[in-house]
Amino acid sequence: MYTIKSRIWIEGEEGVFLGEGRIKILKTIIDEGSLSKAAKTLGMSYKKAWNLVNSINKNAASPIVITNTGGSGGGGTFITEYGLEMIHSFEKINKNCWDFLDKQLKEYQL
């Protein structure tokens, strides 16, 4: 029995917009409420996480990630409503892609 392996990503004029890794950091930001905590959870540097988030926002039609600097009330990082829609859309596209590839594999009896 065979399986097809594939990864998809969406590119914009400024480069990669969304892919599995970027979705993972967005979802971890949702869980952790902070970019620094999300980076730590994923085992990446804050700088790398910041560069990914910055790249996502540069390619987006509207902001996806909003960061609030620390202070007496503390900071935080938030995913916008538009960002939540983009996460959902990417996951749906990704699932549809996998379903299509599985169907192709069966159709060609590999």
PDB file of N, CA and C in Angstrom:
ATOM      1  N   MET A   1       0.849  -1.184   0.000  1.00  0.00           N
ATOM      2  CA  MET A   1       0.000   0.000   0.000  1.00  0.00           C
ATOM      3  C   MET A   1       0.893   1.244   0.000  1.00  0.00           C
ATOM      4  N   TYR A   2       0.507   2.225  -0.749  1.00  0.00           N
ATOM      5  CA  TYR A   2       1.267   3.456  -0.876  1.00  0.00           C
ATOM      6  C   TYR A   2       0.514   4.628  -0.274  1.00  0.00           C
ATOM      7  N   THR A   3       1.256   5.650   0.092  1.00  0.00           N
ATOM      8  CA  THR A   3       0.670   6.916   0.514  1.00  0.00           C
ATOM      9  C   THR A   3       1.389   8.034  -0.230  1.00  0.00           C
ATOM     10  N   ILE A   4       0.698   9.107  -0.466  1.00  0.00           N
ATOM     11  CA  ILE A   4       1.285  10.281  -1.105  1.00  0.00           C
ATOM     12  C   ILE A   4       1.611  11.294  -0.021  1.00  0.00           C
ATOM     13  N   LYS A   5       2.797  11.857  -0.093  1.00  0.00           N
ATOM     14  CA  LYS A   5       3.214  12.895   0.845  1.00  0.00           C
ATOM     15  C   LYS A   5       3.351  14.202   0.072  1.00  0.00           C
ATOM     16  N   SER A   6       2.813  15.256   0.633  1.00  0.00           N
ATOM     17  CA  SER A   6       2.869  16.550  -0.031  1.00  0.00           C
ATOM     18  C   SER A   6       2.706  17.648   1.000  1.00  0.00           C
ATOM     19  N   ARG A   7       3.292  18.799   0.706  1.00  0.00           N
ATOM     20  CA  ARG A   7       3.100  19.979   1.552  1.00  0.00           C
ATOM     21  C   ARG A   7       2.681  21.118   0.645  1.00  0.00           C
ATOM     22  N   ILE A   8       1.737  21.894   1.122  1.00  0.00           N
ATOM     23  CA  ILE A   8       1.320  23.049   0.334  1.00  0.00           C
ATOM     24  C   ILE A   8       1.583  24.316   1.132  1.00  0.00           C
ATOM     25  N   TRP A   9       1.711  25.406   0.418  1.00  0.00           N
ATOM     26  CA  TRP A   9       1.811  26.710   1.034  1.00  0.00           C
ATOM     27  C   TRP A   9       1.238  27.715   0.067  1.00  0.00           C
ATOM     28  N   ILE A  10       0.882  28.856   0.591  1.00  0.00           N
ATOM     29  CA  ILE A  10       0.310  29.938  -0.208  1.00  0.00           C
ATOM     30  C   ILE A  10       1.319  31.068  -0.216  1.00  0.00           C
ATOM     31  N   GLU A  11       1.621  31.559  -1.405  1.00  0.00           N
ATOM     32  CA  GLU A  11       2.584  32.644  -1.537  1.00  0.00           C
ATOM     33  C   GLU A  11       1.886  33.931  -1.954  1.00  0.00           C
ATOM     34  N   GLY A  12       2.434  35.038  -1.492  1.00  0.00           N
ATOM     35  CA  GLY A  12       1.988  36.367  -1.895  1.00  0.00           C
ATOM     36  C   GLY A  12       3.137  37.075  -2.585  1.00  0.00           C
ATOM     37  N   GLU A  13       2.961  38.338  -2.859  1.00  0.00           N
ATOM     38  CA  GLU A  13       3.990  39.108  -3.539  1.00  0.00           C
ATOM     39  C   GLU A  13       5.260  39.235  -2.703  1.00  0.00           C
ATOM     40  N   GLU A  14       5.137  39.157  -1.397  1.00  0.00           N
ATOM     41  CA  GLU A  14       6.283  39.300  -0.493  1.00  0.00           C
ATOM     42  C   GLU A  14       6.895  37.958  -0.100  1.00  0.00           C
ATOM     43  N   GLY A  15       6.438  36.865  -0.699  1.00  0.00           N
ATOM     44  CA  GLY A  15       6.956  35.544  -0.356  1.00  0.00           C
ATOM     45  C   GLY A  15       5.871  34.660   0.240  1.00  0.00           C
ATOM     46  N   VAL A  16       6.286  33.715   1.063  1.00  0.00           N
ATOM     47  CA  VAL A  16       5.337  32.768   1.644  1.00  0.00           C
ATOM     48  C   VAL A  16       4.380  33.497   2.582  1.00  0.00           C
ATOM     49  N   PHE A  17       3.088  33.225   2.386  1.00  0.00           N
ATOM     50  CA  PHE A  17       2.044  33.801   3.235  1.00  0.00           C
ATOM     51  C   PHE A  17       1.686  32.798   4.327  1.00  0.00           C
ATOM     52  N   LEU A  18       1.182  31.648   3.934  1.00  0.00           N
ATOM     53  CA  LEU A  18       0.795  30.628   4.904  1.00  0.00           C
ATOM     54  C   LEU A  18       1.272  29.253   4.459  1.00  0.00           C
ATOM     55  N   GLY A  19       1.634  28.451   5.426  1.00  0.00           N
ATOM     56  CA  GLY A  19       2.012  27.064   5.232  1.00  0.00           C
ATOM     57  C   GLY A  19       1.810  26.360   6.559  1.00  0.00           C
ATOM     58  N   GLU A  20       2.080  25.088   6.605  1.00  0.00           N
ATOM     59  CA  GLU A  20       1.831  24.321   7.826  1.00  0.00           C
ATOM     60  C   GLU A  20       2.583  24.879   9.032  1.00  0.00           C
ATOM     61  N   GLY A  21       3.839  25.261   8.843  1.00  0.00           N
ATOM     62  CA  GLY A  21       4.624  25.806   9.948  1.00  0.00           C
ATOM     63  C   GLY A  21       4.087  27.130  10.448  1.00  0.00           C
ATOM     64  N   ARG A  22       3.655  27.981   9.532  1.00  0.00           N
ATOM     65  CA  ARG A  22       3.112  29.280   9.921  1.00  0.00           C
ATOM     66  C   ARG A  22       1.764  29.121  10.616  1.00  0.00           C
ATOM     67  N   ILE A  23       0.970  28.176  10.157  1.00  0.00           N
ATOM     68  CA  ILE A  23      -0.305  27.891  10.828  1.00  0.00           C
ATOM     69  C   ILE A  23      -0.028  27.388  12.243  1.00  0.00           C
ATOM     70  N   LYS A  24       0.998  26.562  12.379  1.00  0.00           N
ATOM     71  CA  LYS A  24       1.343  26.027  13.706  1.00  0.00           C
ATOM     72  C   LYS A  24       1.709  27.152  14.668  1.00  0.00           C
ATOM     73  N   ILE A  25       2.488  28.127  14.203  1.00  0.00           N
ATOM     74  CA  ILE A  25       2.851  29.222  15.118  1.00  0.00           C
ATOM     75  C   ILE A  25       1.632  30.077  15.443  1.00  0.00           C
ATOM     76  N   LEU A  26       0.748  30.310  14.468  1.00  0.00           N
ATOM     77  CA  LEU A  26      -0.464  31.090  14.744  1.00  0.00           C
ATOM     78  C   LEU A  26      -1.334  30.387  15.786  1.00  0.00           C
ATOM     79  N   LYS A  27      -1.503  29.086  15.639  1.00  0.00           N
ATOM     80  CA  LYS A  27      -2.320  28.336  16.595  1.00  0.00           C
ATOM     81  C   LYS A  27      -1.672  28.297  17.976  1.00  0.00           C
ATOM     82  N   THR A  28      -0.350  28.258  18.013  1.00  0.00           N
ATOM     83  CA  THR A  28       0.348  28.257  19.302  1.00  0.00           C
ATOM     84  C   THR A  28       0.237  29.628  19.962  1.00  0.00           C
ATOM     85  N   ILE A  29       0.242  30.697  19.171  1.00  0.00           N
ATOM     86  CA  ILE A  29       0.006  32.042  19.721  1.00  0.00           C
ATOM     87  C   ILE A  29      -1.378  32.107  20.360  1.00  0.00           C
ATOM     88  N   ILE A  30      -2.360  31.512  19.701  1.00  0.00           N
ATOM     89  CA  ILE A  30      -3.717  31.475  20.265  1.00  0.00           C
ATOM     90  C   ILE A  30      -3.688  30.758  21.617  1.00  0.00           C
ATOM     91  N   ASP A  31      -3.026  29.626  21.662  1.00  0.00           N
ATOM     92  CA  ASP A  31      -2.970  28.832  22.905  1.00  0.00           C
ATOM     93  C   ASP A  31      -2.202  29.540  24.019  1.00  0.00           C
ATOM     94  N   GLU A  32      -1.086  30.186  23.656  1.00  0.00           N
ATOM     95  CA  GLU A  32      -0.189  30.760  24.662  1.00  0.00           C
ATOM     96  C   GLU A  32      -0.482  32.235  24.966  1.00  0.00           C
ATOM     97  N   GLY A  33      -1.090  32.949  24.019  1.00  0.00           N
ATOM     98  CA  GLY A  33      -1.393  34.362  24.230  1.00  0.00           C
ATOM     99  C   GLY A  33      -0.205  35.287  24.099  1.00  0.00           C
ATOM    100  N   SER A  34       0.914  34.748  23.623  1.00  0.00           N
ATOM    101  CA  SER A  34       2.136  35.533  23.544  1.00  0.00           C
ATOM    102  C   SER A  34       3.048  34.939  22.478  1.00  0.00           C
ATOM    103  N   LEU A  35       3.703  35.809  21.735  1.00  0.00           N
ATOM    104  CA  LEU A  35       4.645  35.361  20.712  1.00  0.00           C
ATOM    105  C   LEU A  35       5.860  34.706  21.355  1.00  0.00           C
ATOM    106  N   SER A  36       6.365  35.291  22.421  1.00  0.00           N
ATOM    107  CA  SER A  36       7.553  34.712  23.066  1.00  0.00           C
ATOM    108  C   SER A  36       7.249  33.332  23.648  1.00  0.00           C
ATOM    109  N   LYS A  37       6.078  33.170  24.252  1.00  0.00           N
ATOM    110  CA  LYS A  37       5.705  31.859  24.796  1.00  0.00           C
ATOM    111  C   LYS A  37       5.487  30.853  23.668  1.00  0.00           C
ATOM    112  N   ALA A  38       4.889  31.307  22.570  1.00  0.00           N
ATOM    113  CA  ALA A  38       4.670  30.422  21.427  1.00  0.00           C
ATOM    114  C   ALA A  38       6.003  29.953  20.859  1.00  0.00           C
ATOM    115  N   ALA A  39       6.951  30.874  20.721  1.00  0.00           N
ATOM    116  CA  ALA A  39       8.280  30.522  20.207  1.00  0.00           C
ATOM    117  C   ALA A  39       8.938  29.487  21.114  1.00  0.00           C
ATOM    118  N   LYS A  40       8.864  29.726  22.409  1.00  0.00           N
ATOM    119  CA  LYS A  40       9.466  28.804  23.380  1.00  0.00           C
ATOM    120  C   LYS A  40       8.813  27.427  23.289  1.00  0.00           C
ATOM    121  N   THR A  41       7.493  27.395  23.223  1.00  0.00           N
ATOM    122  CA  THR A  41       6.762  26.132  23.116  1.00  0.00           C
ATOM    123  C   THR A  41       7.185  25.349  21.877  1.00  0.00           C
ATOM    124  N   LEU A  42       7.417  26.067  20.778  1.00  0.00           N
ATOM    125  CA  LEU A  42       7.792  25.413  19.526  1.00  0.00           C
ATOM    126  C   LEU A  42       9.292  25.184  19.386  1.00  0.00           C
ATOM    127  N   GLY A  43      10.054  25.629  20.371  1.00  0.00           N
ATOM    128  CA  GLY A  43      11.488  25.421  20.338  1.00  0.00           C
ATOM    129  C   GLY A  43      12.215  26.258  19.299  1.00  0.00           C
ATOM    130  N   MET A  44      11.712  27.463  19.061  1.00  0.00           N
ATOM    131  CA  MET A  44      12.372  28.356  18.109  1.00  0.00           C
ATOM    132  C   MET A  44      12.716  29.670  18.792  1.00  0.00           C
ATOM    133  N   SER A  45      13.628  30.392  18.201  1.00  0.00           N
ATOM    134  CA  SER A  45      14.018  31.667  18.778  1.00  0.00           C
ATOM    135  C   SER A  45      12.889  32.684  18.595  1.00  0.00           C
ATOM    136  N   TYR A  46      12.872  33.668  19.481  1.00  0.00           N
ATOM    137  CA  TYR A  46      11.891  34.736  19.367  1.00  0.00           C
ATOM    138  C   TYR A  46      12.069  35.458  18.038  1.00  0.00           C
ATOM    139  N   LYS A  47      13.311  35.674  17.626  1.00  0.00           N
ATOM    140  CA  LYS A  47      13.597  36.372  16.367  1.00  0.00           C
ATOM    141  C   LYS A  47      13.005  35.630  15.173  1.00  0.00           C
ATOM    142  N   LYS A  48      13.168  34.317  15.144  1.00  0.00           N
ATOM    143  CA  LYS A  48      12.593  33.532  14.041  1.00  0.00           C
ATOM    144  C   LYS A  48      11.073  33.626  14.062  1.00  0.00           C
ATOM    145  N   ALA A  49      10.484  33.498  15.234  1.00  0.00           N
ATOM    146  CA  ALA A  49       9.022  33.585  15.356  1.00  0.00           C
ATOM    147  C   ALA A  49       8.539  34.964  14.905  1.00  0.00           C
ATOM    148  N   TRP A  50       9.243  36.017  15.333  1.00  0.00           N
ATOM    149  CA  TRP A  50       8.876  37.371  14.948  1.00  0.00           C
ATOM    150  C   TRP A  50       8.969  37.539  13.435  1.00  0.00           C
ATOM    151  N   ASN A  51      10.026  37.009  12.823  1.00  0.00           N
ATOM    152  CA  ASN A  51      10.187  37.114  11.371  1.00  0.00           C
ATOM    153  C   ASN A  51       9.058  36.397  10.628  1.00  0.00           C
ATOM    154  N   LEU A  52       8.632  35.248  11.131  1.00  0.00           N
ATOM    155  CA  LEU A  52       7.515  34.532  10.509  1.00  0.00           C
ATOM    156  C   LEU A  52       6.225  35.331  10.607  1.00  0.00           C
ATOM    157  N   VAL A  53       5.950  35.854  11.791  1.00  0.00           N
ATOM    158  CA  VAL A  53       4.729  36.635  12.011  1.00  0.00           C
ATOM    159  C   VAL A  53       4.750  37.906  11.160  1.00  0.00           C
ATOM    160  N   ASN A  54       5.883  38.547  11.104  1.00  0.00           N
ATOM    161  CA  ASN A  54       6.023  39.756  10.305  1.00  0.00           C
ATOM    162  C   ASN A  54       5.787  39.448   8.823  1.00  0.00           C
ATOM    163  N   SER A  55       6.325  38.340   8.351  1.00  0.00           N
ATOM    164  CA  SER A  55       6.139  37.917   6.965  1.00  0.00           C
ATOM    165  C   SER A  55       4.669  37.619   6.667  1.00  0.00           C
ATOM    166  N   ILE A  56       4.003  36.957   7.602  1.00  0.00           N
ATOM    167  CA  ILE A  56       2.571  36.667   7.436  1.00  0.00           C
ATOM    168  C   ILE A  56       1.796  37.970   7.283  1.00  0.00           C
ATOM    169  N   ASN A  57       2.033  38.917   8.186  1.00  0.00           N
ATOM    170  CA  ASN A  57       1.313  40.189   8.147  1.00  0.00           C
ATOM    171  C   ASN A  57       1.621  40.977   6.872  1.00  0.00           C
ATOM    172  N   LYS A  58       2.859  40.932   6.390  1.00  0.00           N
ATOM    173  CA  LYS A  58       3.219  41.657   5.163  1.00  0.00           C
ATOM    174  C   LYS A  58       2.460  41.142   3.948  1.00  0.00           C
ATOM    175  N   ASN A  59       2.188  39.844   3.932  1.00  0.00           N
ATOM    176  CA  ASN A  59       1.501  39.227   2.800  1.00  0.00           C
ATOM    177  C   ASN A  59      -0.017  39.242   2.921  1.00  0.00           C
ATOM    178  N   ALA A  60      -0.524  39.594   4.074  1.00  0.00           N
ATOM    179  CA  ALA A  60      -1.965  39.528   4.324  1.00  0.00           C
ATOM    180  C   ALA A  60      -2.680  40.773   3.828  1.00  0.00           C
ATOM    181  N   ALA A  61      -3.926  40.581   3.416  1.00  0.00           N
ATOM    182  CA  ALA A  61      -4.765  41.704   2.991  1.00  0.00           C
ATOM    183  C   ALA A  61      -5.144  42.580   4.184  1.00  0.00           C
ATOM    184  N   SER A  62      -5.212  41.992   5.358  1.00  0.00           N
ATOM    185  CA  SER A  62      -5.488  42.687   6.622  1.00  0.00           C
ATOM    186  C   SER A  62      -4.580  42.071   7.676  1.00  0.00           C
ATOM    187  N   PRO A  63      -4.344  42.790   8.778  1.00  0.00           N
ATOM    188  CA  PRO A  63      -3.485  42.213   9.821  1.00  0.00           C
ATOM    189  C   PRO A  63      -4.028  40.880  10.330  1.00  0.00           C
ATOM    190  N   ILE A  64      -3.118  39.960  10.561  1.00  0.00           N
ATOM    191  CA  ILE A  64      -3.466  38.650  11.090  1.00  0.00           C
ATOM    192  C   ILE A  64      -3.031  38.540  12.540  1.00  0.00           C
ATOM    193  N   VAL A  65      -1.876  39.123  12.836  1.00  0.00           N
ATOM    194  CA  VAL A  65      -1.314  39.066  14.183  1.00  0.00           C
ATOM    195  C   VAL A  65      -1.127  40.489  14.691  1.00  0.00           C
ATOM    196  N   ILE A  66      -1.587  40.734  15.911  1.00  0.00           N
ATOM    197  CA  ILE A  66      -1.397  42.039  16.552  1.00  0.00           C
ATOM    198  C   ILE A  66      -0.621  41.801  17.838  1.00  0.00           C
ATOM    199  N   THR A  67       0.455  42.553  18.002  1.00  0.00           N
ATOM    200  CA  THR A  67       1.245  42.422  19.225  1.00  0.00           C
ATOM    201  C   THR A  67       1.093  43.690  20.059  1.00  0.00           C
ATOM    202  N   ASN A  68       0.987  43.494  21.347  1.00  0.00           N
ATOM    203  CA  ASN A  68       0.957  44.595  22.305  1.00  0.00           C
ATOM    204  C   ASN A  68       2.207  44.478  23.159  1.00  0.00           C
ATOM    205  N   THR A  69       2.968  45.561  23.227  1.00  0.00           N
ATOM    206  CA  THR A  69       4.193  45.526  24.019  1.00  0.00           C
ATOM    207  C   THR A  69       3.859  45.434  25.499  1.00  0.00           C
ATOM    208  N   GLY A  70       4.819  44.949  26.261  1.00  0.00           N
ATOM    209  CA  GLY A  70       4.634  44.779  27.705  1.00  0.00           C
ATOM    210  C   GLY A  70       4.495  46.101  28.417  1.00  0.00           C
ATOM    211  N   GLY A  71       4.493  46.057  29.667  1.00  0.00           N
ATOM    212  CA  GLY A  71       4.313  47.233  30.508  1.00  0.00           C
ATOM    213  C   GLY A  71       3.631  46.807  31.782  1.00  0.00           C
ATOM    214  N   SER A  72       3.026  47.741  32.464  1.00  0.00           N
ATOM    215  CA  SER A  72       2.391  47.413  33.740  1.00  0.00           C
ATOM    216  C   SER A  72       1.257  46.407  33.569  1.00  0.00           C
ATOM    217  N   GLY A  73       0.523  46.518  32.444  1.00  0.00           N
ATOM    218  CA  GLY A  73      -0.572  45.582  32.189  1.00  0.00           C
ATOM    219  C   GLY A  73      -0.113  44.328  31.470  1.00  0.00           C
ATOM    220  N   GLY A  74       1.153  44.281  31.085  1.00  0.00           N
ATOM    221  CA  GLY A  74       1.667  43.133  30.346  1.00  0.00           C
ATOM    222  C   GLY A  74       1.342  43.258  28.874  1.00  0.00           C
ATOM    223  N   GLY A  75       2.053  42.538  28.090  1.00  0.00           N
ATOM    224  CA  GLY A  75       1.836  42.555  26.646  1.00  0.00           C
ATOM    225  C   GLY A  75       1.014  41.363  26.226  1.00  0.00           C
ATOM    226  N   GLY A  76       1.112  41.058  24.985  1.00  0.00           N
ATOM    227  CA  GLY A  76       0.391  39.898  24.462  1.00  0.00           C
ATOM    228  C   GLY A  76       0.365  39.943  22.958  1.00  0.00           C
ATOM    229  N   THR A  77       0.069  38.836  22.382  1.00  0.00           N
ATOM    230  CA  THR A  77      -0.045  38.711  20.942  1.00  0.00           C
ATOM    231  C   THR A  77      -1.392  38.090  20.655  1.00  0.00           C
ATOM    232  N   PHE A  78      -2.094  38.648  19.673  1.00  0.00           N
ATOM    233  CA  PHE A  78      -3.454  38.214  19.382  1.00  0.00           C
ATOM    234  C   PHE A  78      -3.623  37.936  17.905  1.00  0.00           C
ATOM    235  N   ILE A  79      -4.430  36.951  17.600  1.00  0.00           N
ATOM    236  CA  ILE A  79      -4.785  36.643  16.226  1.00  0.00           C
ATOM    237  C   ILE A  79      -6.122  37.330  15.954  1.00  0.00           C
ATOM    238  N   THR A  80      -6.169  38.092  14.876  1.00  0.00           N
ATOM    239  CA  THR A  80      -7.381  38.831  14.531  1.00  0.00           C
ATOM    240  C   THR A  80      -8.457  37.879  14.004  1.00  0.00           C
ATOM    241  N   GLU A  81      -9.653  38.398  13.884  1.00  0.00           N
ATOM    242  CA  GLU A  81     -10.754  37.620  13.305  1.00  0.00           C
ATOM    243  C   GLU A  81     -10.390  37.177  11.887  1.00  0.00           C
ATOM    244  N   TYR A  82      -9.793  38.097  11.134  1.00  0.00           N
ATOM    245  CA  TYR A  82      -9.321  37.768   9.782  1.00  0.00           C
ATOM    246  C   TYR A  82      -8.287  36.641   9.845  1.00  0.00           C
ATOM    247  N   GLY A  83      -7.406  36.705  10.824  1.00  0.00           N
ATOM    248  CA  GLY A  83      -6.401  35.656  11.001  1.00  0.00           C
ATOM    249  C   GLY A  83      -7.027  34.300  11.284  1.00  0.00           C
ATOM    250  N   LEU A  84      -8.057  34.300  12.125  1.00  0.00           N
ATOM    251  CA  LEU A  84      -8.759  33.047  12.421  1.00  0.00           C
ATOM    252  C   LEU A  84      -9.402  32.475  11.159  1.00  0.00           C
ATOM    253  N   GLU A  85      -9.952  33.363  10.324  1.00  0.00           N
ATOM    254  CA  GLU A  85     -10.538  32.926   9.049  1.00  0.00           C
ATOM    255  C   GLU A  85      -9.468  32.335   8.139  1.00  0.00           C
ATOM    256  N   MET A  86      -8.295  32.941   8.109  1.00  0.00           N
ATOM    257  CA  MET A  86      -7.204  32.446   7.265  1.00  0.00           C
ATOM    258  C   MET A  86      -6.716  31.083   7.746  1.00  0.00           C
ATOM    259  N   ILE A  87      -6.632  30.894   9.062  1.00  0.00           N
ATOM    260  CA  ILE A  87      -6.245  29.588   9.604  1.00  0.00           C
ATOM    261  C   ILE A  87      -7.243  28.531   9.151  1.00  0.00           C
ATOM    262  N   HIS A  88      -8.527  28.827   9.328  1.00  0.00           N
ATOM    263  CA  HIS A  88      -9.586  27.888   8.943  1.00  0.00           C
ATOM    264  C   HIS A  88      -9.531  27.598   7.439  1.00  0.00           C
ATOM    265  N   SER A  89      -9.377  28.640   6.638  1.00  0.00           N
ATOM    266  CA  SER A  89      -9.339  28.463   5.186  1.00  0.00           C
ATOM    267  C   SER A  89      -8.151  27.612   4.762  1.00  0.00           C
ATOM    268  N   PHE A  90      -6.978  27.896   5.326  1.00  0.00           N
ATOM    269  CA  PHE A  90      -5.802  27.109   4.969  1.00  0.00           C
ATOM    270  C   PHE A  90      -5.998  25.645   5.349  1.00  0.00           C
ATOM    271  N   GLU A  91      -6.510  25.397   6.534  1.00  0.00           N
ATOM    272  CA  GLU A  91      -6.710  24.019   6.972  1.00  0.00           C
ATOM    273  C   GLU A  91      -7.707  23.288   6.077  1.00  0.00           C
ATOM    274  N   LYS A  92      -8.724  23.989   5.620  1.00  0.00           N
ATOM    275  CA  LYS A  92      -9.705  23.380   4.722  1.00  0.00           C
ATOM    276  C   LYS A  92      -9.064  23.074   3.364  1.00  0.00           C
ATOM    277  N   ILE A  93      -8.294  24.029   2.838  1.00  0.00           N
ATOM    278  CA  ILE A  93      -7.599  23.807   1.572  1.00  0.00           C
ATOM    279  C   ILE A  93      -6.645  22.622   1.702  1.00  0.00           C
ATOM    280  N   ASN A  94      -5.900  22.577   2.792  1.00  0.00           N
ATOM    281  CA  ASN A  94      -4.942  21.501   3.020  1.00  0.00           C
ATOM    282  C   ASN A  94      -5.647  20.144   3.080  1.00  0.00           C
ATOM    283  N   LYS A  95      -6.763  20.079   3.798  1.00  0.00           N
ATOM    284  CA  LYS A  95      -7.526  18.829   3.891  1.00  0.00           C
ATOM    285  C   LYS A  95      -8.049  18.422   2.526  1.00  0.00           C
ATOM    286  N   ASN A  96      -8.591  19.388   1.771  1.00  0.00           N
ATOM    287  CA  ASN A  96      -9.099  19.080   0.441  1.00  0.00           C
ATOM    288  C   ASN A  96      -7.986  18.562  -0.470  1.00  0.00           C
ATOM    289  N   CYS A  97      -6.800  19.119  -0.326  1.00  0.00           N
ATOM    290  CA  CYS A  97      -5.648  18.675  -1.112  1.00  0.00           C
ATOM    291  C   CYS A  97      -5.317  17.218  -0.784  1.00  0.00           C
ATOM    292  N   TRP A  98      -5.256  16.895   0.515  1.00  0.00           N
ATOM    293  CA  TRP A  98      -4.962  15.519   0.925  1.00  0.00           C
ATOM    294  C   TRP A  98      -6.048  14.558   0.457  1.00  0.00           C
ATOM    295  N   ASP A  99      -7.306  14.960   0.567  1.00  0.00           N
ATOM    296  CA  ASP A  99      -8.405  14.111   0.111  1.00  0.00           C
ATOM    297  C   ASP A  99      -8.282  13.844  -1.390  1.00  0.00           C
ATOM    298  N   PHE A 100      -7.955  14.883  -2.150  1.00  0.00           N
ATOM    299  CA  PHE A 100      -7.788  14.738  -3.597  1.00  0.00           C
ATOM    300  C   PHE A 100      -6.636  13.785  -3.908  1.00  0.00           C
ATOM    301  N   LEU A 101      -5.513  13.941  -3.229  1.00  0.00           N
ATOM    302  CA  LEU A 101      -4.367  13.074  -3.489  1.00  0.00           C
ATOM    303  C   LEU A 101      -4.669  11.621  -3.141  1.00  0.00           C
ATOM    304  N   ASP A 102      -5.373  11.404  -2.036  1.00  0.00           N
ATOM    305  CA  ASP A 102      -5.772  10.041  -1.673  1.00  0.00           C
ATOM    306  C   ASP A 102      -6.675   9.441  -2.746  1.00  0.00           C
ATOM    307  N   LYS A 103      -7.590  10.250  -3.259  1.00  0.00           N
ATOM    308  CA  LYS A 103      -8.503   9.796  -4.314  1.00  0.00           C
ATOM    309  C   LYS A 103      -7.719   9.450  -5.584  1.00  0.00           C
ATOM    310  N   GLN A 104      -6.743  10.283  -5.928  1.00  0.00           N
ATOM    311  CA  GLN A 104      -5.919  10.024  -7.100  1.00  0.00           C
ATOM    312  C   GLN A 104      -5.149   8.714  -6.953  1.00  0.00           C
ATOM    313  N   LEU A 105      -4.609   8.479  -5.787  1.00  0.00           N
ATOM    314  CA  LEU A 105      -3.856   7.250  -5.537  1.00  0.00           C
ATOM    315  C   LEU A 105      -4.744   6.029  -5.743  1.00  0.00           C
ATOM    316  N   LYS A 106      -5.965   6.083  -5.223  1.00  0.00           N
ATOM    317  CA  LYS A 106      -6.905   4.967  -5.395  1.00  0.00           C
ATOM    318  C   LYS A 106      -7.308   4.816  -6.853  1.00  0.00           C
ATOM    319  N   GLU A 107      -7.564   5.948  -7.511  1.00  0.00           N
ATOM    320  CA  GLU A 107      -8.007   5.925  -8.906  1.00  0.00           C
ATOM    321  C   GLU A 107      -6.973   5.281  -9.821  1.00  0.00           C
ATOM    322  N   TYR A 108      -5.707   5.561  -9.570  1.00  0.00           N
ATOM    323  CA  TYR A 108      -4.652   5.005 -10.420  1.00  0.00           C
ATOM    324  C   TYR A 108      -4.102   3.690  -9.893  1.00  0.00           C
ATOM    325  N   GLN A 109      -4.705   3.191  -8.829  1.00  0.00           N
ATOM    326  CA  GLN A 109      -4.405   1.877  -8.264  1.00  0.00           C
ATOM    327  C   GLN A 109      -2.911   1.667  -8.022  1.00  0.00           C
ATOM    328  N   LEU A 110      -2.297   2.646  -7.441  1.00  0.00           N
ATOM    329  CA  LEU A 110      -0.869   2.527  -7.126  1.00  0.00           C
ATOM    330  C   LEU A 110      -0.661   1.900  -5.776  1.00  0.00           C
TER     331      LEU A 110
END
